Amino acid sequence: SSSSGSVNGMNFKRHTVSRVITPFFTPSGVNAAATANNIQVYPNPASGSLNIEWTNAGTGNANVVITDVAGREVYKAGVNINAAMGKTLIDLGSLTSGIYLITIKSNDINYNGKLVIQQ
């Protein structure tokens, strides 16, 4: 401004290709959601059954949804997470070979991934 030639607490990012400088900030006070490091889905490619393993998760229910690449829901089930660490097995024998998207959501988990099924 005209009264002050400097300011504190501002961060900028320089884009070297486009030669543009833009402001950015790091949000604070946001709780981190569970990441892919907290969920393991295996084997991938799968052929009939799929293991879902979790660590450092809050207890409760999680929804497992598998969709095909067109976005159609082909599998949906609830999983009871009764301990911070655990594993469950789901049966995918009714699905045909192909590429699918898997989503696992609960209060503490938000996992999205690609799943290949080879029957």
PDB file of N, CA and C in Angstrom:
ATOM      1  N   SER A   1       0.840  -1.181   0.000  1.00  0.00           N
ATOM      2  CA  SER A   1       0.000   0.000   0.000  1.00  0.00           C
ATOM      3  C   SER A   1       0.883   1.241   0.000  1.00  0.00           C
ATOM      4  N   SER A   2       0.276   2.382  -0.067  1.00  0.00           N
ATOM      5  CA  SER A   2       1.045   3.617  -0.097  1.00  0.00           C
ATOM      6  C   SER A   2       1.661   3.943   1.258  1.00  0.00           C
ATOM      7  N   SER A   3       1.104   3.379   2.344  1.00  0.00           N
ATOM      8  CA  SER A   3       1.647   3.666   3.666  1.00  0.00           C
ATOM      9  C   SER A   3       2.704   2.661   4.112  1.00  0.00           C
ATOM     10  N   SER A   4       2.761   1.493   3.493  1.00  0.00           N
ATOM     11  CA  SER A   4       3.718   0.470   3.890  1.00  0.00           C
ATOM     12  C   SER A   4       4.336  -0.162   2.651  1.00  0.00           C
ATOM     13  N   GLY A   5       5.646  -0.244   2.639  1.00  0.00           N
ATOM     14  CA  GLY A   5       6.344  -0.815   1.494  1.00  0.00           C
ATOM     15  C   GLY A   5       6.599  -2.299   1.611  1.00  0.00           C
ATOM     16  N   SER A   6       6.214  -2.942   2.732  1.00  0.00           N
ATOM     17  CA  SER A   6       6.445  -4.371   2.900  1.00  0.00           C
ATOM     18  C   SER A   6       5.306  -4.994   3.695  1.00  0.00           C
ATOM     19  N   VAL A   7       5.249  -6.324   3.640  1.00  0.00           N
ATOM     20  CA  VAL A   7       4.239  -7.075   4.375  1.00  0.00           C
ATOM     21  C   VAL A   7       4.873  -8.386   4.828  1.00  0.00           C
ATOM     22  N   ASN A   8       4.441  -8.899   5.956  1.00  0.00           N
ATOM     23  CA  ASN A   8       4.941 -10.168   6.487  1.00  0.00           C
ATOM     24  C   ASN A   8       3.895 -11.259   6.316  1.00  0.00           C
ATOM     25  N   GLY A   9       4.357 -12.510   6.325  1.00  0.00           N
ATOM     26  CA  GLY A   9       3.450 -13.657   6.308  1.00  0.00           C
ATOM     27  C   GLY A   9       2.893 -14.005   4.947  1.00  0.00           C
ATOM     28  N   MET A  10       3.451 -13.512   3.882  1.00  0.00           N
ATOM     29  CA  MET A  10       2.982 -13.830   2.528  1.00  0.00           C
ATOM     30  C   MET A  10       3.983 -14.771   1.871  1.00  0.00           C
ATOM     31  N   ASN A  11       3.485 -15.733   1.146  1.00  0.00           N
ATOM     32  CA  ASN A  11       4.324 -16.662   0.395  1.00  0.00           C
ATOM     33  C   ASN A  11       3.929 -16.615  -1.068  1.00  0.00           C
ATOM     34  N   PHE A  12       4.911 -16.745  -1.935  1.00  0.00           N
ATOM     35  CA  PHE A  12       4.660 -16.716  -3.363  1.00  0.00           C
ATOM     36  C   PHE A  12       5.365 -17.894  -4.029  1.00  0.00           C
ATOM     37  N   LYS A  13       4.809 -18.314  -5.150  1.00  0.00           N
ATOM     38  CA  LYS A  13       5.417 -19.373  -5.933  1.00  0.00           C
ATOM     39  C   LYS A  13       5.739 -18.814  -7.313  1.00  0.00           C
ATOM     40  N   ARG A  14       6.967 -19.052  -7.746  1.00  0.00           N
ATOM     41  CA  ARG A  14       7.396 -18.578  -9.056  1.00  0.00           C
ATOM     42  C   ARG A  14       7.281 -19.729 -10.045  1.00  0.00           C
ATOM     43  N   HIS A  15       6.514 -19.532 -11.111  1.00  0.00           N
ATOM     44  CA  HIS A  15       6.348 -20.509 -12.180  1.00  0.00           C
ATOM     45  C   HIS A  15       7.360 -20.156 -13.258  1.00  0.00           C
ATOM     46  N   THR A  16       8.384 -20.979 -13.398  1.00  0.00           N
ATOM     47  CA  THR A  16       9.503 -20.627 -14.279  1.00  0.00           C
ATOM     48  C   THR A  16       9.139 -20.705 -15.753  1.00  0.00           C
ATOM     49  N   VAL A  17       8.242 -21.597 -16.138  1.00  0.00           N
ATOM     50  CA  VAL A  17       7.898 -21.735 -17.549  1.00  0.00           C
ATOM     51  C   VAL A  17       7.029 -20.565 -18.017  1.00  0.00           C
ATOM     52  N   SER A  18       5.979 -20.271 -17.259  1.00  0.00           N
ATOM     53  CA  SER A  18       5.062 -19.198 -17.665  1.00  0.00           C
ATOM     54  C   SER A  18       5.505 -17.824 -17.177  1.00  0.00           C
ATOM     55  N   ARG A  19       6.525 -17.795 -16.325  1.00  0.00           N
ATOM     56  CA  ARG A  19       7.053 -16.543 -15.770  1.00  0.00           C
ATOM     57  C   ARG A  19       5.984 -15.745 -15.030  1.00  0.00           C
ATOM     58  N   VAL A  20       5.212 -16.471 -14.223  1.00  0.00           N
ATOM     59  CA  VAL A  20       4.156 -15.862 -13.428  1.00  0.00           C
ATOM     60  C   VAL A  20       4.465 -16.114 -11.964  1.00  0.00           C
ATOM     61  N   ILE A  21       4.168 -15.152 -11.119  1.00  0.00           N
ATOM     62  CA  ILE A  21       4.307 -15.296  -9.674  1.00  0.00           C
ATOM     63  C   ILE A  21       2.915 -15.250  -9.075  1.00  0.00           C
ATOM     64  N   THR A  22       2.588 -16.293  -8.281  1.00  0.00           N
ATOM     65  CA  THR A  22       1.258 -16.354  -7.673  1.00  0.00           C
ATOM     66  C   THR A  22       1.380 -16.532  -6.173  1.00  0.00           C
ATOM     67  N   PRO A  23       0.455 -15.951  -5.395  1.00  0.00           N
ATOM     68  CA  PRO A  23       0.483 -16.156  -3.945  1.00  0.00           C
ATOM     69  C   PRO A  23      -0.032 -17.548  -3.597  1.00  0.00           C
ATOM     70  N   PHE A  24       0.475 -18.105  -2.519  1.00  0.00           N
ATOM     71  CA  PHE A  24      -0.048 -19.363  -2.017  1.00  0.00           C
ATOM     72  C   PHE A  24       0.098 -19.386  -0.509  1.00  0.00           C
ATOM     73  N   PHE A  25      -0.665 -20.259   0.125  1.00  0.00           N
ATOM     74  CA  PHE A  25      -0.589 -20.408   1.571  1.00  0.00           C
ATOM     75  C   PHE A  25      -0.748 -21.868   1.929  1.00  0.00           C
ATOM     76  N   THR A  26      -0.270 -22.220   3.102  1.00  0.00           N
ATOM     77  CA  THR A  26      -0.421 -23.564   3.633  1.00  0.00           C
ATOM     78  C   THR A  26      -1.499 -23.523   4.698  1.00  0.00           C
ATOM     79  N   PRO A  27      -2.631 -24.207   4.484  1.00  0.00           N
ATOM     80  CA  PRO A  27      -3.695 -24.153   5.474  1.00  0.00           C
ATOM     81  C   PRO A  27      -3.261 -24.801   6.782  1.00  0.00           C
ATOM     82  N   SER A  28      -3.747 -24.284   7.870  1.00  0.00           N
ATOM     83  CA  SER A  28      -3.448 -24.862   9.176  1.00  0.00           C
ATOM     84  C   SER A  28      -4.751 -25.221   9.863  1.00  0.00           C
ATOM     85  N   GLY A  29      -4.654 -26.102  10.828  1.00  0.00           N
ATOM     86  CA  GLY A  29      -5.831 -26.487  11.594  1.00  0.00           C
ATOM     87  C   GLY A  29      -6.723 -27.492  10.904  1.00  0.00           C
ATOM     88  N   VAL A  30      -6.251 -28.142   9.858  1.00  0.00           N
ATOM     89  CA  VAL A  30      -7.043 -29.138   9.149  1.00  0.00           C
ATOM     90  C   VAL A  30      -6.538 -30.504   9.545  1.00  0.00           C
ATOM     91  N   ASN A  31      -7.429 -31.360   9.993  1.00  0.00           N
ATOM     92  CA  ASN A  31      -7.047 -32.719  10.360  1.00  0.00           C
ATOM     93  C   ASN A  31      -6.764 -33.533   9.111  1.00  0.00           C
ATOM     94  N   ALA A  32      -5.695 -34.269   9.142  1.00  0.00           N
ATOM     95  CA  ALA A  32      -5.331 -35.099   7.998  1.00  0.00           C
ATOM     96  C   ALA A  32      -6.237 -36.316   7.935  1.00  0.00           C
ATOM     97  N   ALA A  33      -6.731 -36.614   6.756  1.00  0.00           N
ATOM     98  CA  ALA A  33      -7.533 -37.810   6.548  1.00  0.00           C
ATOM     99  C   ALA A  33      -6.600 -38.990   6.350  1.00  0.00           C
ATOM    100  N   ALA A  34      -7.134 -40.185   6.516  1.00  0.00           N
ATOM    101  CA  ALA A  34      -6.314 -41.378   6.289  1.00  0.00           C
ATOM    102  C   ALA A  34      -5.887 -41.401   4.828  1.00  0.00           C
ATOM    103  N   THR A  35      -4.681 -41.761   4.591  1.00  0.00           N
ATOM    104  CA  THR A  35      -4.144 -41.779   3.239  1.00  0.00           C
ATOM    105  C   THR A  35      -3.964 -43.210   2.784  1.00  0.00           C
ATOM    106  N   ALA A  36      -3.417 -43.337   1.605  1.00  0.00           N
ATOM    107  CA  ALA A  36      -3.170 -44.673   1.068  1.00  0.00           C
ATOM    108  C   ALA A  36      -2.219 -45.457   1.961  1.00  0.00           C
ATOM    109  N   ASN A  37      -1.409 -44.756   2.768  1.00  0.00           N
ATOM    110  CA  ASN A  37      -0.493 -45.447   3.672  1.00  0.00           C
ATOM    111  C   ASN A  37      -1.241 -46.187   4.778  1.00  0.00           C
ATOM    112  N   ASN A  38      -2.479 -45.773   5.083  1.00  0.00           N
ATOM    113  CA  ASN A  38      -3.268 -46.410   6.122  1.00  0.00           C
ATOM    114  C   ASN A  38      -4.102 -47.573   5.587  1.00  0.00           C
ATOM    115  N   ILE A  39      -4.257 -47.663   4.278  1.00  0.00           N
ATOM    116  CA  ILE A  39      -5.068 -48.702   3.645  1.00  0.00           C
ATOM    117  C   ILE A  39      -4.215 -49.447   2.625  1.00  0.00           C
ATOM    118  N   GLN A  40      -4.305 -50.747   2.660  1.00  0.00           N
ATOM    119  CA  GLN A  40      -3.669 -51.575   1.628  1.00  0.00           C
ATOM    120  C   GLN A  40      -4.740 -52.456   1.010  1.00  0.00           C
ATOM    121  N   VAL A  41      -4.803 -52.460  -0.316  1.00  0.00           N
ATOM    122  CA  VAL A  41      -5.745 -53.280  -1.063  1.00  0.00           C
ATOM    123  C   VAL A  41      -4.907 -54.220  -1.920  1.00  0.00           C
ATOM    124  N   TYR A  42      -5.055 -55.517  -1.694  1.00  0.00           N
ATOM    125  CA  TYR A  42      -4.225 -56.485  -2.416  1.00  0.00           C
ATOM    126  C   TYR A  42      -4.933 -57.819  -2.517  1.00  0.00           C
ATOM    127  N   PRO A  43      -4.595 -58.686  -3.447  1.00  0.00           N
ATOM    128  CA  PRO A  43      -3.643 -58.491  -4.538  1.00  0.00           C
ATOM    129  C   PRO A  43      -4.261 -57.604  -5.619  1.00  0.00           C
ATOM    130  N   ASN A  44      -3.433 -56.971  -6.364  1.00  0.00           N
ATOM    131  CA  ASN A  44      -3.878 -56.133  -7.453  1.00  0.00           C
ATOM    132  C   ASN A  44      -2.906 -56.333  -8.602  1.00  0.00           C
ATOM    133  N   PRO A  45      -3.245 -57.086  -9.613  1.00  0.00           N
ATOM    134  CA  PRO A  45      -4.559 -57.559 -10.029  1.00  0.00           C
ATOM    135  C   PRO A  45      -5.116 -58.658  -9.120  1.00  0.00           C
ATOM    136  N   ALA A  46      -6.430 -58.633  -8.980  1.00  0.00           N
ATOM    137  CA  ALA A  46      -7.140 -59.604  -8.146  1.00  0.00           C
ATOM    138  C   ALA A  46      -7.850 -60.613  -9.039  1.00  0.00           C
ATOM    139  N   SER A  47      -8.093 -61.784  -8.476  1.00  0.00           N
ATOM    140  CA  SER A  47      -8.820 -62.821  -9.238  1.00  0.00           C
ATOM    141  C   SER A  47      -9.740 -63.584  -8.307  1.00  0.00           C
ATOM    142  N   GLY A  48     -10.823 -62.962  -7.913  1.00  0.00           N
ATOM    143  CA  GLY A  48     -11.808 -63.656  -7.092  1.00  0.00           C
ATOM    144  C   GLY A  48     -12.001 -63.052  -5.726  1.00  0.00           C
ATOM    145  N   SER A  49     -10.925 -62.761  -5.022  1.00  0.00           N
ATOM    146  CA  SER A  49     -11.068 -62.163  -3.699  1.00  0.00           C
ATOM    147  C   SER A  49     -10.040 -61.047  -3.528  1.00  0.00           C
ATOM    148  N   LEU A  50     -10.338 -60.157  -2.599  1.00  0.00           N
ATOM    149  CA  LEU A  50      -9.519 -58.978  -2.392  1.00  0.00           C
ATOM    150  C   LEU A  50      -9.370 -58.738  -0.896  1.00  0.00           C
ATOM    151  N   ASN A  51      -8.147 -58.508  -0.456  1.00  0.00           N
ATOM    152  CA  ASN A  51      -7.875 -58.169   0.933  1.00  0.00           C
ATOM    153  C   ASN A  51      -7.855 -56.664   1.097  1.00  0.00           C
ATOM    154  N   ILE A  52      -8.482 -56.183   2.151  1.00  0.00           N
ATOM    155  CA  ILE A  52      -8.406 -54.777   2.539  1.00  0.00           C
ATOM    156  C   ILE A  52      -7.847 -54.755   3.948  1.00  0.00           C
ATOM    157  N   GLU A  53      -6.709 -54.099   4.103  1.00  0.00           N
ATOM    158  CA  GLU A  53      -6.024 -54.046   5.395  1.00  0.00           C
ATOM    159  C   GLU A  53      -5.881 -52.586   5.814  1.00  0.00           C
ATOM    160  N   TRP A  54      -6.132 -52.299   7.085  1.00  0.00           N
ATOM    161  CA  TRP A  54      -6.031 -50.935   7.580  1.00  0.00           C
ATOM    162  C   TRP A  54      -5.161 -50.870   8.818  1.00  0.00           C
ATOM    163  N   THR A  55      -4.510 -49.728   8.979  1.00  0.00           N
ATOM    164  CA  THR A  55      -3.711 -49.446  10.169  1.00  0.00           C
ATOM    165  C   THR A  55      -4.011 -48.020  10.608  1.00  0.00           C
ATOM    166  N   ASN A  56      -3.907 -47.782  11.889  1.00  0.00           N
ATOM    167  CA  ASN A  56      -4.121 -46.451  12.460  1.00  0.00           C
ATOM    168  C   ASN A  56      -5.458 -45.852  12.056  1.00  0.00           C
ATOM    169  N   ALA A  57      -6.492 -46.659  12.033  1.00  0.00           N
ATOM    170  CA  ALA A  57      -7.821 -46.179  11.660  1.00  0.00           C
ATOM    171  C   ALA A  57      -8.705 -46.125  12.897  1.00  0.00           C
ATOM    172  N   GLY A  58      -9.606 -45.174  12.917  1.00  0.00           N
ATOM    173  CA  GLY A  58     -10.597 -45.123  13.984  1.00  0.00           C
ATOM    174  C   GLY A  58     -11.616 -46.228  13.784  1.00  0.00           C
ATOM    175  N   THR A  59     -12.221 -46.670  14.857  1.00  0.00           N
ATOM    176  CA  THR A  59     -13.203 -47.747  14.746  1.00  0.00           C
ATOM    177  C   THR A  59     -14.523 -47.196  14.228  1.00  0.00           C
ATOM    178  N   GLY A  60     -15.313 -48.082  13.645  1.00  0.00           N
ATOM    179  CA  GLY A  60     -16.612 -47.710  13.091  1.00  0.00           C
ATOM    180  C   GLY A  60     -16.872 -48.491  11.824  1.00  0.00           C
ATOM    181  N   ASN A  61     -17.804 -48.014  11.040  1.00  0.00           N
ATOM    182  CA  ASN A  61     -18.150 -48.674   9.781  1.00  0.00           C
ATOM    183  C   ASN A  61     -17.565 -47.913   8.612  1.00  0.00           C
ATOM    184  N   ALA A  62     -17.133 -48.653   7.608  1.00  0.00           N
ATOM    185  CA  ALA A  62     -16.623 -48.066   6.371  1.00  0.00           C
ATOM    186  C   ALA A  62     -17.423 -48.645   5.209  1.00  0.00           C
ATOM    187  N   ASN A  63     -17.606 -47.854   4.178  1.00  0.00           N
ATOM    188  CA  ASN A  63     -18.275 -48.317   2.972  1.00  0.00           C
ATOM    189  C   ASN A  63     -17.238 -48.592   1.897  1.00  0.00           C
ATOM    190  N   VAL A  64     -17.356 -49.765   1.276  1.00  0.00           N
ATOM    191  CA  VAL A  64     -16.495 -50.148   0.167  1.00  0.00           C
ATOM    192  C   VAL A  64     -17.362 -50.148  -1.084  1.00  0.00           C
ATOM    193  N   VAL A  65     -16.981 -49.321  -2.064  1.00  0.00           N
ATOM    194  CA  VAL A  65     -17.734 -49.224  -3.312  1.00  0.00           C
ATOM    195  C   VAL A  65     -16.759 -49.438  -4.462  1.00  0.00           C
ATOM    196  N   ILE A  66     -17.141 -50.332  -5.372  1.00  0.00           N
ATOM    197  CA  ILE A  66     -16.347 -50.575  -6.579  1.00  0.00           C
ATOM    198  C   ILE A  66     -17.211 -50.188  -7.766  1.00  0.00           C
ATOM    199  N   THR A  67     -16.641 -49.359  -8.642  1.00  0.00           N
ATOM    200  CA  THR A  67     -17.350 -48.931  -9.841  1.00  0.00           C
ATOM    201  C   THR A  67     -16.535 -49.315 -11.070  1.00  0.00           C
ATOM    202  N   ASP A  68     -17.249 -49.522 -12.184  1.00  0.00           N
ATOM    203  CA  ASP A  68     -16.529 -49.762 -13.433  1.00  0.00           C
ATOM    204  C   ASP A  68     -16.084 -48.424 -14.003  1.00  0.00           C
ATOM    205  N   VAL A  69     -15.349 -48.445 -15.116  1.00  0.00           N
ATOM    206  CA  VAL A  69     -14.799 -47.205 -15.665  1.00  0.00           C
ATOM    207  C   VAL A  69     -15.884 -46.280 -16.206  1.00  0.00           C
ATOM    208  N   ALA A  70     -17.094 -46.782 -16.407  1.00  0.00           N
ATOM    209  CA  ALA A  70     -18.212 -45.941 -16.832  1.00  0.00           C
ATOM    210  C   ALA A  70     -18.913 -45.293 -15.640  1.00  0.00           C
ATOM    211  N   GLY A  71     -18.479 -45.621 -14.426  1.00  0.00           N
ATOM    212  CA  GLY A  71     -19.069 -45.027 -13.234  1.00  0.00           C
ATOM    213  C   GLY A  71     -20.226 -45.807 -12.638  1.00  0.00           C
ATOM    214  N   ARG A  72     -20.528 -46.976 -13.171  1.00  0.00           N
ATOM    215  CA  ARG A  72     -21.623 -47.801 -12.638  1.00  0.00           C
ATOM    216  C   ARG A  72     -21.144 -48.561 -11.409  1.00  0.00           C
ATOM    217  N   GLU A  73     -21.924 -48.519 -10.365  1.00  0.00           N
ATOM    218  CA  GLU A  73     -21.591 -49.228  -9.132  1.00  0.00           C
ATOM    219  C   GLU A  73     -21.803 -50.726  -9.348  1.00  0.00           C
ATOM    220  N   VAL A  74     -20.733 -51.518  -9.158  1.00  0.00           N
ATOM    221  CA  VAL A  74     -20.828 -52.960  -9.384  1.00  0.00           C
ATOM    222  C   VAL A  74     -20.677 -53.753  -8.091  1.00  0.00           C
ATOM    223  N   TYR A  75     -20.245 -53.094  -7.027  1.00  0.00           N
ATOM    224  CA  TYR A  75     -20.088 -53.763  -5.731  1.00  0.00           C
ATOM    225  C   TYR A  75     -20.202 -52.711  -4.636  1.00  0.00           C
ATOM    226  N   LYS A  76     -20.945 -53.070  -3.581  1.00  0.00           N
ATOM    227  CA  LYS A  76     -21.047 -52.172  -2.427  1.00  0.00           C
ATOM    228  C   LYS A  76     -21.231 -53.024  -1.183  1.00  0.00           C
ATOM    229  N   ALA A  77     -20.450 -52.720  -0.159  1.00  0.00           N
ATOM    230  CA  ALA A  77     -20.553 -53.468   1.093  1.00  0.00           C
ATOM    231  C   ALA A  77     -20.074 -52.587   2.232  1.00  0.00           C
ATOM    232  N   GLY A  78     -20.541 -52.901   3.409  1.00  0.00           N
ATOM    233  CA  GLY A  78     -20.063 -52.245   4.616  1.00  0.00           C
ATOM    234  C   GLY A  78     -19.026 -53.109   5.296  1.00  0.00           C
ATOM    235  N   VAL A  79     -18.029 -52.464   5.881  1.00  0.00           N
ATOM    236  CA  VAL A  79     -16.977 -53.168   6.605  1.00  0.00           C
ATOM    237  C   VAL A  79     -16.948 -52.614   8.013  1.00  0.00           C
ATOM    238  N   ASN A  80     -16.979 -53.506   9.001  1.00  0.00           N
ATOM    239  CA  ASN A  80     -16.916 -53.096  10.393  1.00  0.00           C
ATOM    240  C   ASN A  80     -15.451 -53.026  10.812  1.00  0.00           C
ATOM    241  N   ILE A  81     -14.990 -51.828  11.079  1.00  0.00           N
ATOM    242  CA  ILE A  81     -13.620 -51.625  11.547  1.00  0.00           C
ATOM    243  C   ILE A  81     -13.693 -51.589  13.071  1.00  0.00           C
ATOM    244  N   ASN A  82     -13.454 -52.747  13.686  1.00  0.00           N
ATOM    245  CA  ASN A  82     -13.624 -52.853  15.129  1.00  0.00           C
ATOM    246  C   ASN A  82     -12.315 -52.724  15.893  1.00  0.00           C
ATOM    247  N   ALA A  83     -11.227 -52.434  15.193  1.00  0.00           N
ATOM    248  CA  ALA A  83      -9.924 -52.230  15.831  1.00  0.00           C
ATOM    249  C   ALA A  83      -9.122 -51.270  14.964  1.00  0.00           C
ATOM    250  N   ALA A  84      -8.138 -50.625  15.564  1.00  0.00           N
ATOM    251  CA  ALA A  84      -7.323 -49.662  14.819  1.00  0.00           C
ATOM    252  C   ALA A  84      -6.540 -50.335  13.705  1.00  0.00           C
ATOM    253  N   MET A  85      -6.251 -51.633  13.858  1.00  0.00           N
ATOM    254  CA  MET A  85      -5.556 -52.396  12.821  1.00  0.00           C
ATOM    255  C   MET A  85      -6.371 -53.639  12.523  1.00  0.00           C
ATOM    256  N   GLY A  86      -6.483 -53.984  11.242  1.00  0.00           N
ATOM    257  CA  GLY A  86      -7.232 -55.185  10.903  1.00  0.00           C
ATOM    258  C   GLY A  86      -7.249 -55.440   9.418  1.00  0.00           C
ATOM    259  N   LYS A  87      -7.981 -56.493   9.046  1.00  0.00           N
ATOM    260  CA  LYS A  87      -8.031 -56.914   7.650  1.00  0.00           C
ATOM    261  C   LYS A  87      -9.358 -57.597   7.402  1.00  0.00           C
ATOM    262  N   THR A  88      -9.872 -57.442   6.189  1.00  0.00           N
ATOM    263  CA  THR A  88     -11.078 -58.148   5.779  1.00  0.00           C
ATOM    264  C   THR A  88     -10.898 -58.648   4.357  1.00  0.00           C
ATOM    265  N   LEU A  89     -11.653 -59.654   3.997  1.00  0.00           N
ATOM    266  CA  LEU A  89     -11.599 -60.263   2.675  1.00  0.00           C
ATOM    267  C   LEU A  89     -12.956 -60.067   2.017  1.00  0.00           C
ATOM    268  N   ILE A  90     -12.958 -59.574   0.773  1.00  0.00           N
ATOM    269  CA  ILE A  90     -14.217 -59.439   0.058  1.00  0.00           C
ATOM    270  C   ILE A  90     -14.168 -60.301  -1.195  1.00  0.00           C
ATOM    271  N   ASP A  91     -15.324 -60.853  -1.564  1.00  0.00           N
ATOM    272  CA  ASP A  91     -15.439 -61.761  -2.697  1.00  0.00           C
ATOM    273  C   ASP A  91     -15.799 -60.971  -3.949  1.00  0.00           C
ATOM    274  N   LEU A  92     -14.964 -61.059  -4.966  1.00  0.00           N
ATOM    275  CA  LEU A  92     -15.201 -60.378  -6.232  1.00  0.00           C
ATOM    276  C   LEU A  92     -15.450 -61.357  -7.368  1.00  0.00           C
ATOM    277  N   GLY A  93     -15.827 -62.577  -7.021  1.00  0.00           N
ATOM    278  CA  GLY A  93     -16.021 -63.623  -8.022  1.00  0.00           C
ATOM    279  C   GLY A  93     -17.089 -63.305  -9.047  1.00  0.00           C
ATOM    280  N   SER A  94     -18.032 -62.429  -8.724  1.00  0.00           N
ATOM    281  CA  SER A  94     -19.109 -62.109  -9.664  1.00  0.00           C
ATOM    282  C   SER A  94     -18.714 -61.038 -10.679  1.00  0.00           C
ATOM    283  N   LEU A  95     -17.539 -60.415 -10.509  1.00  0.00           N
ATOM    284  CA  LEU A  95     -17.124 -59.358 -11.428  1.00  0.00           C
ATOM    285  C   LEU A  95     -16.300 -59.937 -12.573  1.00  0.00           C
ATOM    286  N   THR A  96     -16.447 -59.355 -13.744  1.00  0.00           N
ATOM    287  CA  THR A  96     -15.686 -59.799 -14.908  1.00  0.00           C
ATOM    288  C   THR A  96     -14.322 -59.112 -14.928  1.00  0.00           C
ATOM    289  N   SER A  97     -13.425 -59.632 -15.716  1.00  0.00           N
ATOM    290  CA  SER A  97     -12.094 -59.045 -15.845  1.00  0.00           C
ATOM    291  C   SER A  97     -12.205 -57.627 -16.376  1.00  0.00           C
ATOM    292  N   GLY A  98     -11.367 -56.741 -15.825  1.00  0.00           N
ATOM    293  CA  GLY A  98     -11.368 -55.357 -16.275  1.00  0.00           C
ATOM    294  C   GLY A  98     -10.736 -54.440 -15.259  1.00  0.00           C
ATOM    295  N   ILE A  99     -10.832 -53.160 -15.531  1.00  0.00           N
ATOM    296  CA  ILE A  99     -10.299 -52.122 -14.647  1.00  0.00           C
ATOM    297  C   ILE A  99     -11.461 -51.475 -13.916  1.00  0.00           C
ATOM    298  N   TYR A 100     -11.317 -51.331 -12.619  1.00  0.00           N
ATOM    299  CA  TYR A 100     -12.347 -50.772 -11.758  1.00  0.00           C
ATOM    300  C   TYR A 100     -11.743 -49.706 -10.844  1.00  0.00           C
ATOM    301  N   LEU A 101     -12.609 -48.936 -10.237  1.00  0.00           N
ATOM    302  CA  LEU A 101     -12.204 -47.962  -9.229  1.00  0.00           C
ATOM    303  C   LEU A 101     -12.779 -48.406  -7.896  1.00  0.00           C
ATOM    304  N   ILE A 102     -11.951 -48.361  -6.862  1.00  0.00           N
ATOM    305  CA  ILE A 102     -12.397 -48.757  -5.526  1.00  0.00           C
ATOM    306  C   ILE A 102     -12.325 -47.545  -4.605  1.00  0.00           C
ATOM    307  N   THR A 103     -13.380 -47.357  -3.812  1.00  0.00           N
ATOM    308  CA  THR A 103     -13.458 -46.271  -2.847  1.00  0.00           C
ATOM    309  C   THR A 103     -13.798 -46.866  -1.492  1.00  0.00           C
ATOM    310  N   ILE A 104     -13.035 -46.483  -0.480  1.00  0.00           N
ATOM    311  CA  ILE A 104     -13.299 -46.916   0.887  1.00  0.00           C
ATOM    312  C   ILE A 104     -13.427 -45.658   1.722  1.00  0.00           C
ATOM    313  N   LYS A 105     -14.596 -45.474   2.353  1.00  0.00           N
ATOM    314  CA  LYS A 105     -14.837 -44.251   3.118  1.00  0.00           C
ATOM    315  C   LYS A 105     -15.414 -44.567   4.490  1.00  0.00           C
ATOM    316  N   SER A 106     -14.890 -43.855   5.474  1.00  0.00           N
ATOM    317  CA  SER A 106     -15.436 -43.858   6.827  1.00  0.00           C
ATOM    318  C   SER A 106     -15.150 -42.485   7.414  1.00  0.00           C
ATOM    319  N   ASN A 107     -15.368 -42.323   8.710  1.00  0.00           N
ATOM    320  CA  ASN A 107     -15.061 -41.044   9.342  1.00  0.00           C
ATOM    321  C   ASN A 107     -13.580 -40.713   9.253  1.00  0.00           C
ATOM    322  N   ASP A 108     -12.711 -41.727   9.299  1.00  0.00           N
ATOM    323  CA  ASP A 108     -11.267 -41.511   9.314  1.00  0.00           C
ATOM    324  C   ASP A 108     -10.566 -41.941   8.031  1.00  0.00           C
ATOM    325  N   ILE A 109     -11.271 -42.607   7.131  1.00  0.00           N
ATOM    326  CA  ILE A 109     -10.646 -43.161   5.931  1.00  0.00           C
ATOM    327  C   ILE A 109     -11.301 -42.557   4.700  1.00  0.00           C
ATOM    328  N   ASN A 110     -10.483 -42.172   3.748  1.00  0.00           N
ATOM    329  CA  ASN A 110     -10.961 -41.733   2.441  1.00  0.00           C
ATOM    330  C   ASN A 110      -9.960 -42.243   1.407  1.00  0.00           C
ATOM    331  N   TYR A 111     -10.179 -43.455   0.944  1.00  0.00           N
ATOM    332  CA  TYR A 111      -9.249 -44.124   0.024  1.00  0.00           C
ATOM    333  C   TYR A 111      -9.887 -44.259  -1.355  1.00  0.00           C
ATOM    334  N   ASN A 112      -9.144 -43.916  -2.376  1.00  0.00           N
ATOM    335  CA  ASN A 112      -9.567 -44.105  -3.763  1.00  0.00           C
ATOM    336  C   ASN A 112      -8.403 -44.760  -4.499  1.00  0.00           C
ATOM    337  N   GLY A 113      -8.716 -45.772  -5.294  1.00  0.00           N
ATOM    338  CA  GLY A 113      -7.650 -46.437  -6.024  1.00  0.00           C
ATOM    339  C   GLY A 113      -8.180 -47.168  -7.244  1.00  0.00           C
ATOM    340  N   LYS A 114      -7.240 -47.613  -8.061  1.00  0.00           N
ATOM    341  CA  LYS A 114      -7.547 -48.397  -9.253  1.00  0.00           C
ATOM    342  C   LYS A 114      -7.401 -49.871  -8.902  1.00  0.00           C
ATOM    343  N   LEU A 115      -8.304 -50.681  -9.401  1.00  0.00           N
ATOM    344  CA  LEU A 115      -8.305 -52.108  -9.145  1.00  0.00           C
ATOM    345  C   LEU A 115      -8.417 -52.849 -10.465  1.00  0.00           C
ATOM    346  N   VAL A 116      -7.523 -53.786 -10.701  1.00  0.00           N
ATOM    347  CA  VAL A 116      -7.556 -54.614 -11.893  1.00  0.00           C
ATOM    348  C   VAL A 116      -8.025 -55.997 -11.489  1.00  0.00           C
ATOM    349  N   ILE A 117      -9.035 -56.513 -12.197  1.00  0.00           N
ATOM    350  CA  ILE A 117      -9.543 -57.858 -11.927  1.00  0.00           C
ATOM    351  C   ILE A 117      -9.255 -58.726 -13.134  1.00  0.00           C
ATOM    352  N   GLN A 118      -8.628 -59.880 -12.875  1.00  0.00           N
ATOM    353  CA  GLN A 118      -8.311 -60.860 -13.915  1.00  0.00           C
ATOM    354  C   GLN A 118      -8.898 -62.201 -13.472  1.00  0.00           C
ATOM    355  N   GLN A 119     -10.063 -62.557 -14.006  1.00  0.00           N
ATOM    356  CA  GLN A 119     -10.736 -63.805 -13.623  1.00  0.00           C
ATOM    357  C   GLN A 119     -10.228 -64.959 -14.441  1.00  0.00           C
TER     358      GLN A 119
END
